Amino acid sequence: MANIKSAEKRNRQSEKRRQRNSQVKSSIRTAEKKVRKQLESQSKENVPALFKEFVKKIDTAARKGIIHWKTAARKKSRLAKKVNAAS
């Protein structure tokens, strides 16, 4: 444990950020799973709306630096290929 006051504060800040980033990454994975699950199902009517939600979440995370922008672009591209092929 840190002895210096500024180091203690930095630890608190880091922990808050770690938890927030973890939640955002989890929500991105959940949104991606929803799109993939809908693509596998028989009815594909909700796919564009779900994909739009996924793109919004991943773009926000990339803009805030939670994930790298190239990672976001790669994930969007791969999922967009599958969405376009299904429609």
PDB file of N, CA and C in Angstrom:
ATOM      1  N   MET A   1       0.841  -1.185   0.000  1.00  0.00           N
ATOM      2  CA  MET A   1       0.000   0.000   0.000  1.00  0.00           C
ATOM      3  C   MET A   1       0.881   1.242   0.000  1.00  0.00           C
ATOM      4  N   ALA A   2       0.396   2.280  -0.642  1.00  0.00           N
ATOM      5  CA  ALA A   2       1.167   3.510  -0.779  1.00  0.00           C
ATOM      6  C   ALA A   2       1.203   4.281   0.544  1.00  0.00           C
ATOM      7  N   ASN A   3       2.320   4.931   0.805  1.00  0.00           N
ATOM      8  CA  ASN A   3       2.473   5.755   2.007  1.00  0.00           C
ATOM      9  C   ASN A   3       2.266   7.229   1.717  1.00  0.00           C
ATOM     10  N   ILE A   4       2.455   7.626   0.487  1.00  0.00           N
ATOM     11  CA  ILE A   4       2.359   9.035   0.118  1.00  0.00           C
ATOM     12  C   ILE A   4       0.917   9.343  -0.271  1.00  0.00           C
ATOM     13  N   LYS A   5       0.468  10.520   0.172  1.00  0.00           N
ATOM     14  CA  LYS A   5      -0.929  10.894  -0.027  1.00  0.00           C
ATOM     15  C   LYS A   5      -1.319  10.941  -1.504  1.00  0.00           C
ATOM     16  N   SER A   6      -0.444  11.482  -2.333  1.00  0.00           N
ATOM     17  CA  SER A   6      -0.752  11.585  -3.762  1.00  0.00           C
ATOM     18  C   SER A   6      -0.810  10.202  -4.411  1.00  0.00           C
ATOM     19  N   ALA A   7       0.016   9.268  -3.921  1.00  0.00           N
ATOM     20  CA  ALA A   7      -0.005   7.903  -4.453  1.00  0.00           C
ATOM     21  C   ALA A   7      -1.289   7.187  -4.044  1.00  0.00           C
ATOM     22  N   GLU A   8      -1.776   7.478  -2.831  1.00  0.00           N
ATOM     23  CA  GLU A   8      -3.048   6.883  -2.384  1.00  0.00           C
ATOM     24  C   GLU A   8      -4.196   7.375  -3.257  1.00  0.00           C
ATOM     25  N   LYS A   9      -4.185   8.672  -3.563  1.00  0.00           N
ATOM     26  CA  LYS A   9      -5.224   9.236  -4.425  1.00  0.00           C
ATOM     27  C   LYS A   9      -5.139   8.632  -5.818  1.00  0.00           C
ATOM     28  N   ARG A  10      -3.926   8.491  -6.334  1.00  0.00           N
ATOM     29  CA  ARG A  10      -3.737   7.909  -7.660  1.00  0.00           C
ATOM     30  C   ARG A  10      -4.268   6.478  -7.693  1.00  0.00           C
ATOM     31  N   ASN A  11      -4.069   5.729  -6.607  1.00  0.00           N
ATOM     32  CA  ASN A  11      -4.591   4.360  -6.531  1.00  0.00           C
ATOM     33  C   ASN A  11      -6.116   4.344  -6.563  1.00  0.00           C
ATOM     34  N   ARG A  12      -6.727   5.288  -5.842  1.00  0.00           N
ATOM     35  CA  ARG A  12      -8.195   5.368  -5.845  1.00  0.00           C
ATOM     36  C   ARG A  12      -8.714   5.702  -7.247  1.00  0.00           C
ATOM     37  N   GLN A  13      -8.061   6.647  -7.894  1.00  0.00           N
ATOM     38  CA  GLN A  13      -8.470   7.040  -9.248  1.00  0.00           C
ATOM     39  C   GLN A  13      -8.318   5.881 -10.224  1.00  0.00           C
ATOM     40  N   SER A  14      -7.198   5.174 -10.104  1.00  0.00           N
ATOM     41  CA  SER A  14      -6.936   4.053 -11.011  1.00  0.00           C
ATOM     42  C   SER A  14      -7.982   2.961 -10.837  1.00  0.00           C
ATOM     43  N   GLU A  15      -8.369   2.697  -9.613  1.00  0.00           N
ATOM     44  CA  GLU A  15      -9.363   1.659  -9.348  1.00  0.00           C
ATOM     45  C   GLU A  15     -10.719   2.042  -9.938  1.00  0.00           C
ATOM     46  N   LYS A  16     -11.115   3.311  -9.777  1.00  0.00           N
ATOM     47  CA  LYS A  16     -12.376   3.781 -10.366  1.00  0.00           C
ATOM     48  C   LYS A  16     -12.359   3.634 -11.876  1.00  0.00           C
ATOM     49  N   ARG A  17     -11.246   4.038 -12.500  1.00  0.00           N
ATOM     50  CA  ARG A  17     -11.131   3.950 -13.952  1.00  0.00           C
ATOM     51  C   ARG A  17     -11.144   2.506 -14.421  1.00  0.00           C
ATOM     52  N   ARG A  18     -10.457   1.637 -13.668  1.00  0.00           N
ATOM     53  CA  ARG A  18     -10.409   0.225 -14.032  1.00  0.00           C
ATOM     54  C   ARG A  18     -11.812  -0.376 -14.038  1.00  0.00           C
ATOM     55  N   GLN A  19     -12.591  -0.066 -13.005  1.00  0.00           N
ATOM     56  CA  GLN A  19     -13.959  -0.592 -12.934  1.00  0.00           C
ATOM     57  C   GLN A  19     -14.828  -0.035 -14.050  1.00  0.00           C
ATOM     58  N   ARG A  20     -14.707   1.259 -14.331  1.00  0.00           N
ATOM     59  CA  ARG A  20     -15.506   1.875 -15.387  1.00  0.00           C
ATOM     60  C   ARG A  20     -15.140   1.293 -16.748  1.00  0.00           C
ATOM     61  N   ASN A  21     -13.837   1.159 -17.005  1.00  0.00           N
ATOM     62  CA  ASN A  21     -13.384   0.600 -18.280  1.00  0.00           C
ATOM     63  C   ASN A  21     -13.842  -0.835 -18.439  1.00  0.00           C
ATOM     64  N   SER A  22     -13.829  -1.590 -17.349  1.00  0.00           N
ATOM     65  CA  SER A  22     -14.279  -2.983 -17.380  1.00  0.00           C
ATOM     66  C   SER A  22     -15.750  -3.067 -17.757  1.00  0.00           C
ATOM     67  N   GLN A  23     -16.564  -2.174 -17.213  1.00  0.00           N
ATOM     68  CA  GLN A  23     -17.995  -2.158 -17.529  1.00  0.00           C
ATOM     69  C   GLN A  23     -18.227  -1.824 -18.997  1.00  0.00           C
ATOM     70  N   VAL A  24     -17.476  -0.869 -19.504  1.00  0.00           N
ATOM     71  CA  VAL A  24     -17.639  -0.460 -20.909  1.00  0.00           C
ATOM     72  C   VAL A  24     -17.248  -1.599 -21.837  1.00  0.00           C
ATOM     73  N   LYS A  25     -16.114  -2.250 -21.560  1.00  0.00           N
ATOM     74  CA  LYS A  25     -15.666  -3.365 -22.390  1.00  0.00           C
ATOM     75  C   LYS A  25     -16.674  -4.505 -22.356  1.00  0.00           C
ATOM     76  N   SER A  26     -17.245  -4.752 -21.194  1.00  0.00           N
ATOM     77  CA  SER A  26     -18.245  -5.806 -21.067  1.00  0.00           C
ATOM     78  C   SER A  26     -19.490  -5.476 -21.888  1.00  0.00           C
ATOM     79  N   SER A  27     -19.913  -4.219 -21.862  1.00  0.00           N
ATOM     80  CA  SER A  27     -21.105  -3.828 -22.623  1.00  0.00           C
ATOM     81  C   SER A  27     -20.849  -3.932 -24.131  1.00  0.00           C
ATOM     82  N   ILE A  28     -19.612  -3.683 -24.554  1.00  0.00           N
ATOM     83  CA  ILE A  28     -19.262  -3.834 -25.969  1.00  0.00           C
ATOM     84  C   ILE A  28     -19.372  -5.301 -26.373  1.00  0.00           C
ATOM     85  N   ARG A  29     -18.816  -6.189 -25.544  1.00  0.00           N
ATOM     86  CA  ARG A  29     -18.887  -7.622 -25.846  1.00  0.00           C
ATOM     87  C   ARG A  29     -20.334  -8.106 -25.877  1.00  0.00           C
ATOM     88  N   THR A  30     -21.159  -7.601 -24.960  1.00  0.00           N
ATOM     89  CA  THR A  30     -22.566  -7.988 -24.919  1.00  0.00           C
ATOM     90  C   THR A  30     -23.293  -7.526 -26.181  1.00  0.00           C
ATOM     91  N   ALA A  31     -23.029  -6.302 -26.600  1.00  0.00           N
ATOM     92  CA  ALA A  31     -23.668  -5.769 -27.812  1.00  0.00           C
ATOM     93  C   ALA A  31     -23.262  -6.586 -29.032  1.00  0.00           C
ATOM     94  N   GLU A  32     -21.994  -6.983 -29.099  1.00  0.00           N
ATOM     95  CA  GLU A  32     -21.519  -7.787 -30.221  1.00  0.00           C
ATOM     96  C   GLU A  32     -22.196  -9.164 -30.218  1.00  0.00           C
ATOM     97  N   LYS A  33     -22.331  -9.751 -29.040  1.00  0.00           N
ATOM     98  CA  LYS A  33     -22.981 -11.062 -28.935  1.00  0.00           C
ATOM     99  C   LYS A  33     -24.443 -10.985 -29.375  1.00  0.00           C
ATOM    100  N   LYS A  34     -25.113  -9.882 -29.029  1.00  0.00           N
ATOM    101  CA  LYS A  34     -26.514  -9.721 -29.435  1.00  0.00           C
ATOM    102  C   LYS A  34     -26.640  -9.703 -30.954  1.00  0.00           C
ATOM    103  N   VAL A  35     -25.732  -8.990 -31.614  1.00  0.00           N
ATOM    104  CA  VAL A  35     -25.768  -8.916 -33.082  1.00  0.00           C
ATOM    105  C   VAL A  35     -25.513 -10.300 -33.671  1.00  0.00           C
ATOM    106  N   ARG A  36     -24.466 -10.972 -33.178  1.00  0.00           N
ATOM    107  CA  ARG A  36     -24.122 -12.303 -33.704  1.00  0.00           C
ATOM    108  C   ARG A  36     -25.251 -13.305 -33.477  1.00  0.00           C
ATOM    109  N   LYS A  37     -25.891 -13.234 -32.308  1.00  0.00           N
ATOM    110  CA  LYS A  37     -26.995 -14.151 -32.010  1.00  0.00           C
ATOM    111  C   LYS A  37     -28.172 -13.896 -32.945  1.00  0.00           C
ATOM    112  N   GLN A  38     -28.454 -12.630 -33.215  1.00  0.00           N
ATOM    113  CA  GLN A  38     -29.552 -12.288 -34.118  1.00  0.00           C
ATOM    114  C   GLN A  38     -29.238 -12.718 -35.547  1.00  0.00           C
ATOM    115  N   LEU A  39     -27.968 -12.647 -35.936  1.00  0.00           N
ATOM    116  CA  LEU A  39     -27.569 -13.098 -37.276  1.00  0.00           C
ATOM    117  C   LEU A  39     -27.776 -14.609 -37.434  1.00  0.00           C
ATOM    118  N   GLU A  40     -27.556 -15.355 -36.349  1.00  0.00           N
ATOM    119  CA  GLU A  40     -27.706 -16.804 -36.413  1.00  0.00           C
ATOM    120  C   GLU A  40     -29.170 -17.238 -36.376  1.00  0.00           C
ATOM    121  N   SER A  41     -30.046 -16.392 -35.843  1.00  0.00           N
ATOM    122  CA  SER A  41     -31.451 -16.763 -35.742  1.00  0.00           C
ATOM    123  C   SER A  41     -32.134 -16.677 -37.115  1.00  0.00           C
ATOM    124  N   GLN A  42     -33.356 -17.168 -37.184  1.00  0.00           N
ATOM    125  CA  GLN A  42     -34.103 -17.178 -38.442  1.00  0.00           C
ATOM    126  C   GLN A  42     -34.543 -15.771 -38.855  1.00  0.00           C
ATOM    127  N   SER A  43     -35.046 -15.000 -37.882  1.00  0.00           N
ATOM    128  CA  SER A  43     -35.499 -13.635 -38.203  1.00  0.00           C
ATOM    129  C   SER A  43     -34.356 -12.655 -38.001  1.00  0.00           C
ATOM    130  N   LYS A  44     -34.068 -11.892 -39.043  1.00  0.00           N
ATOM    131  CA  LYS A  44     -32.956 -10.957 -38.987  1.00  0.00           C
ATOM    132  C   LYS A  44     -33.440  -9.504 -39.050  1.00  0.00           C
ATOM    133  N   GLU A  45     -34.629  -9.245 -38.506  1.00  0.00           N
ATOM    134  CA  GLU A  45     -35.197  -7.910 -38.642  1.00  0.00           C
ATOM    135  C   GLU A  45     -34.535  -6.884 -37.717  1.00  0.00           C
ATOM    136  N   ASN A  46     -34.027  -7.309 -36.557  1.00  0.00           N
ATOM    137  CA  ASN A  46     -33.440  -6.365 -35.610  1.00  0.00           C
ATOM    138  C   ASN A  46     -31.944  -6.148 -35.810  1.00  0.00           C
ATOM    139  N   VAL A  47     -31.357  -6.800 -36.775  1.00  0.00           N
ATOM    140  CA  VAL A  47     -29.898  -6.750 -36.949  1.00  0.00           C
ATOM    141  C   VAL A  47     -29.395  -5.325 -37.177  1.00  0.00           C
ATOM    142  N   PRO A  48     -29.981  -4.531 -38.069  1.00  0.00           N
ATOM    143  CA  PRO A  48     -29.437  -3.171 -38.269  1.00  0.00           C
ATOM    144  C   PRO A  48     -29.477  -2.307 -37.005  1.00  0.00           C
ATOM    145  N   ALA A  49     -30.540  -2.410 -36.241  1.00  0.00           N
ATOM    146  CA  ALA A  49     -30.644  -1.616 -35.012  1.00  0.00           C
ATOM    147  C   ALA A  49     -29.612  -2.067 -33.983  1.00  0.00           C
ATOM    148  N   LEU A  50     -29.442  -3.372 -33.848  1.00  0.00           N
ATOM    149  CA  LEU A  50     -28.457  -3.895 -32.902  1.00  0.00           C
ATOM    150  C   LEU A  50     -27.041  -3.533 -33.333  1.00  0.00           C
ATOM    151  N   PHE A  51     -26.783  -3.589 -34.637  1.00  0.00           N
ATOM    152  CA  PHE A  51     -25.458  -3.236 -35.143  1.00  0.00           C
ATOM    153  C   PHE A  51     -25.177  -1.751 -34.902  1.00  0.00           C
ATOM    154  N   LYS A  52     -26.185  -0.923 -35.097  1.00  0.00           N
ATOM    155  CA  LYS A  52     -26.028   0.514 -34.868  1.00  0.00           C
ATOM    156  C   LYS A  52     -25.687   0.795 -33.400  1.00  0.00           C
ATOM    157  N   GLU A  53     -26.343   0.087 -32.495  1.00  0.00           N
ATOM    158  CA  GLU A  53     -26.068   0.229 -31.063  1.00  0.00           C
ATOM    159  C   GLU A  53     -24.631  -0.198 -30.742  1.00  0.00           C
ATOM    160  N   PHE A  54     -24.196  -1.313 -31.351  1.00  0.00           N
ATOM    161  CA  PHE A  54     -22.833  -1.805 -31.155  1.00  0.00           C
ATOM    162  C   PHE A  54     -21.814  -0.779 -31.628  1.00  0.00           C
ATOM    163  N   VAL A  55     -22.042  -0.207 -32.805  1.00  0.00           N
ATOM    164  CA  VAL A  55     -21.115   0.780 -33.370  1.00  0.00           C
ATOM    165  C   VAL A  55     -21.032   2.002 -32.462  1.00  0.00           C
ATOM    166  N   LYS A  56     -22.167   2.430 -31.953  1.00  0.00           N
ATOM    167  CA  LYS A  56     -22.194   3.598 -31.069  1.00  0.00           C
ATOM    168  C   LYS A  56     -21.356   3.343 -29.815  1.00  0.00           C
ATOM    169  N   LYS A  57     -21.529   2.174 -29.216  1.00  0.00           N
ATOM    170  CA  LYS A  57     -20.790   1.844 -27.994  1.00  0.00           C
ATOM    171  C   LYS A  57     -19.292   1.758 -28.253  1.00  0.00           C
ATOM    172  N   ILE A  58     -18.927   1.098 -29.338  1.00  0.00           N
ATOM    173  CA  ILE A  58     -17.502   0.893 -29.601  1.00  0.00           C
ATOM    174  C   ILE A  58     -16.831   2.198 -30.022  1.00  0.00           C
ATOM    175  N   ASP A  59     -17.536   3.062 -30.745  1.00  0.00           N
ATOM    176  CA  ASP A  59     -16.971   4.357 -31.126  1.00  0.00           C
ATOM    177  C   ASP A  59     -16.754   5.239 -29.899  1.00  0.00           C
ATOM    178  N   THR A  60     -17.701   5.209 -28.982  1.00  0.00           N
ATOM    179  CA  THR A  60     -17.567   5.989 -27.751  1.00  0.00           C
ATOM    180  C   THR A  60     -16.368   5.514 -26.942  1.00  0.00           C
ATOM    181  N   ALA A  61     -16.217   4.205 -26.831  1.00  0.00           N
ATOM    182  CA  ALA A  61     -15.087   3.649 -26.075  1.00  0.00           C
ATOM    183  C   ALA A  61     -13.758   4.017 -26.736  1.00  0.00           C
ATOM    184  N   ALA A  62     -13.720   3.994 -28.056  1.00  0.00           N
ATOM    185  CA  ALA A  62     -12.489   4.343 -28.771  1.00  0.00           C
ATOM    186  C   ALA A  62     -12.173   5.834 -28.599  1.00  0.00           C
ATOM    187  N   ARG A  63     -13.190   6.659 -28.646  1.00  0.00           N
ATOM    188  CA  ARG A  63     -12.994   8.095 -28.492  1.00  0.00           C
ATOM    189  C   ARG A  63     -12.460   8.443 -27.103  1.00  0.00           C
ATOM    190  N   LYS A  64     -12.912   7.698 -26.088  1.00  0.00           N
ATOM    191  CA  LYS A  64     -12.469   7.956 -24.718  1.00  0.00           C
ATOM    192  C   LYS A  64     -11.163   7.251 -24.379  1.00  0.00           C
ATOM    193  N   GLY A  65     -10.641   6.461 -25.313  1.00  0.00           N
ATOM    194  CA  GLY A  65      -9.357   5.811 -25.078  1.00  0.00           C
ATOM    195  C   GLY A  65      -9.439   4.515 -24.294  1.00  0.00           C
ATOM    196  N   ILE A  66     -10.637   3.964 -24.145  1.00  0.00           N
ATOM    197  CA  ILE A  66     -10.800   2.713 -23.408  1.00  0.00           C
ATOM    198  C   ILE A  66     -10.283   1.551 -24.237  1.00  0.00           C
ATOM    199  N   ILE A  67     -10.547   1.614 -25.545  1.00  0.00           N
ATOM    200  CA  ILE A  67      -9.949   0.647 -26.466  1.00  0.00           C
ATOM    201  C   ILE A  67      -9.259   1.432 -27.573  1.00  0.00           C
ATOM    202  N   HIS A  68      -8.308   0.803 -28.230  1.00  0.00           N
ATOM    203  CA  HIS A  68      -7.569   1.465 -29.310  1.00  0.00           C
ATOM    204  C   HIS A  68      -8.487   1.664 -30.509  1.00  0.00           C
ATOM    205  N   TRP A  69      -8.301   2.767 -31.217  1.00  0.00           N
ATOM    206  CA  TRP A  69      -9.199   3.077 -32.342  1.00  0.00           C
ATOM    207  C   TRP A  69      -9.076   2.062 -33.460  1.00  0.00           C
ATOM    208  N   LYS A  70      -7.902   1.463 -33.636  1.00  0.00           N
ATOM    209  CA  LYS A  70      -7.762   0.452 -34.685  1.00  0.00           C
ATOM    210  C   LYS A  70      -8.470  -0.843 -34.293  1.00  0.00           C
ATOM    211  N   THR A  71      -8.490  -1.154 -33.017  1.00  0.00           N
ATOM    212  CA  THR A  71      -9.237  -2.316 -32.537  1.00  0.00           C
ATOM    213  C   THR A  71     -10.725  -2.113 -32.806  1.00  0.00           C
ATOM    214  N   ALA A  72     -11.204  -0.903 -32.529  1.00  0.00           N
ATOM    215  CA  ALA A  72     -12.612  -0.587 -32.774  1.00  0.00           C
ATOM    216  C   ALA A  72     -12.936  -0.718 -34.260  1.00  0.00           C
ATOM    217  N   ALA A  73     -12.061  -0.200 -35.104  1.00  0.00           N
ATOM    218  CA  ALA A  73     -12.292  -0.263 -36.551  1.00  0.00           C
ATOM    219  C   ALA A  73     -12.314  -1.707 -37.034  1.00  0.00           C
ATOM    220  N   ARG A  74     -11.408  -2.530 -36.513  1.00  0.00           N
ATOM    221  CA  ARG A  74     -11.340  -3.935 -36.920  1.00  0.00           C
ATOM    222  C   ARG A  74     -12.611  -4.679 -36.515  1.00  0.00           C
ATOM    223  N   LYS A  75     -13.068  -4.476 -35.291  1.00  0.00           N
ATOM    224  CA  LYS A  75     -14.269  -5.158 -34.819  1.00  0.00           C
ATOM    225  C   LYS A  75     -15.505  -4.724 -35.613  1.00  0.00           C
ATOM    226  N   LYS A  76     -15.607  -3.416 -35.884  1.00  0.00           N
ATOM    227  CA  LYS A  76     -16.739  -2.919 -36.664  1.00  0.00           C
ATOM    228  C   LYS A  76     -16.716  -3.490 -38.071  1.00  0.00           C
ATOM    229  N   SER A  77     -15.547  -3.530 -38.680  1.00  0.00           N
ATOM    230  CA  SER A  77     -15.421  -4.016 -40.044  1.00  0.00           C
ATOM    231  C   SER A  77     -15.814  -5.484 -40.155  1.00  0.00           C
ATOM    232  N   ARG A  78     -15.308  -6.296 -39.247  1.00  0.00           N
ATOM    233  CA  ARG A  78     -15.598  -7.731 -39.297  1.00  0.00           C
ATOM    234  C   ARG A  78     -17.077  -8.013 -39.092  1.00  0.00           C
ATOM    235  N   LEU A  79     -17.693  -7.277 -38.157  1.00  0.00           N
ATOM    236  CA  LEU A  79     -19.114  -7.498 -37.904  1.00  0.00           C
ATOM    237  C   LEU A  79     -19.956  -6.937 -39.038  1.00  0.00           C
ATOM    238  N   ALA A  80     -19.528  -5.824 -39.633  1.00  0.00           N
ATOM    239  CA  ALA A  80     -20.269  -5.232 -40.733  1.00  0.00           C
ATOM    240  C   ALA A  80     -20.289  -6.153 -41.930  1.00  0.00           C
ATOM    241  N   LYS A  81     -19.198  -6.863 -42.183  1.00  0.00           N
ATOM    242  CA  LYS A  81     -19.163  -7.842 -43.268  1.00  0.00           C
ATOM    243  C   LYS A  81     -20.232  -8.900 -43.074  1.00  0.00           C
ATOM    244  N   LYS A  82     -20.375  -9.387 -41.856  1.00  0.00           N
ATOM    245  CA  LYS A  82     -21.370 -10.424 -41.578  1.00  0.00           C
ATOM    246  C   LYS A  82     -22.786  -9.883 -41.679  1.00  0.00           C
ATOM    247  N   VAL A  83     -22.986  -8.662 -41.216  1.00  0.00           N
ATOM    248  CA  VAL A  83     -24.317  -8.025 -41.282  1.00  0.00           C
ATOM    249  C   VAL A  83     -24.706  -7.819 -42.745  1.00  0.00           C
ATOM    250  N   ASN A  84     -23.776  -7.322 -43.549  1.00  0.00           N
ATOM    251  CA  ASN A  84     -24.065  -7.071 -44.967  1.00  0.00           C
ATOM    252  C   ASN A  84     -24.296  -8.363 -45.733  1.00  0.00           C
ATOM    253  N   ALA A  85     -23.566  -9.403 -45.388  1.00  0.00           N
ATOM    254  CA  ALA A  85     -23.753 -10.680 -46.061  1.00  0.00           C
ATOM    255  C   ALA A  85     -25.112 -11.291 -45.740  1.00  0.00           C
ATOM    256  N   ALA A  86     -25.610 -11.034 -44.523  1.00  0.00           N
ATOM    257  CA  ALA A  86     -26.883 -11.608 -44.119  1.00  0.00           C
ATOM    258  C   ALA A  86     -28.063 -10.882 -44.761  1.00  0.00           C
ATOM    259  N   SER A  87     -27.881  -9.598 -45.069  1.00  0.00           N
ATOM    260  CA  SER A  87     -29.018  -8.835 -45.618  1.00  0.00           C
ATOM    261  C   SER A  87     -29.037  -8.817 -47.125  1.00  0.00           C
TER     262      SER A  87
END
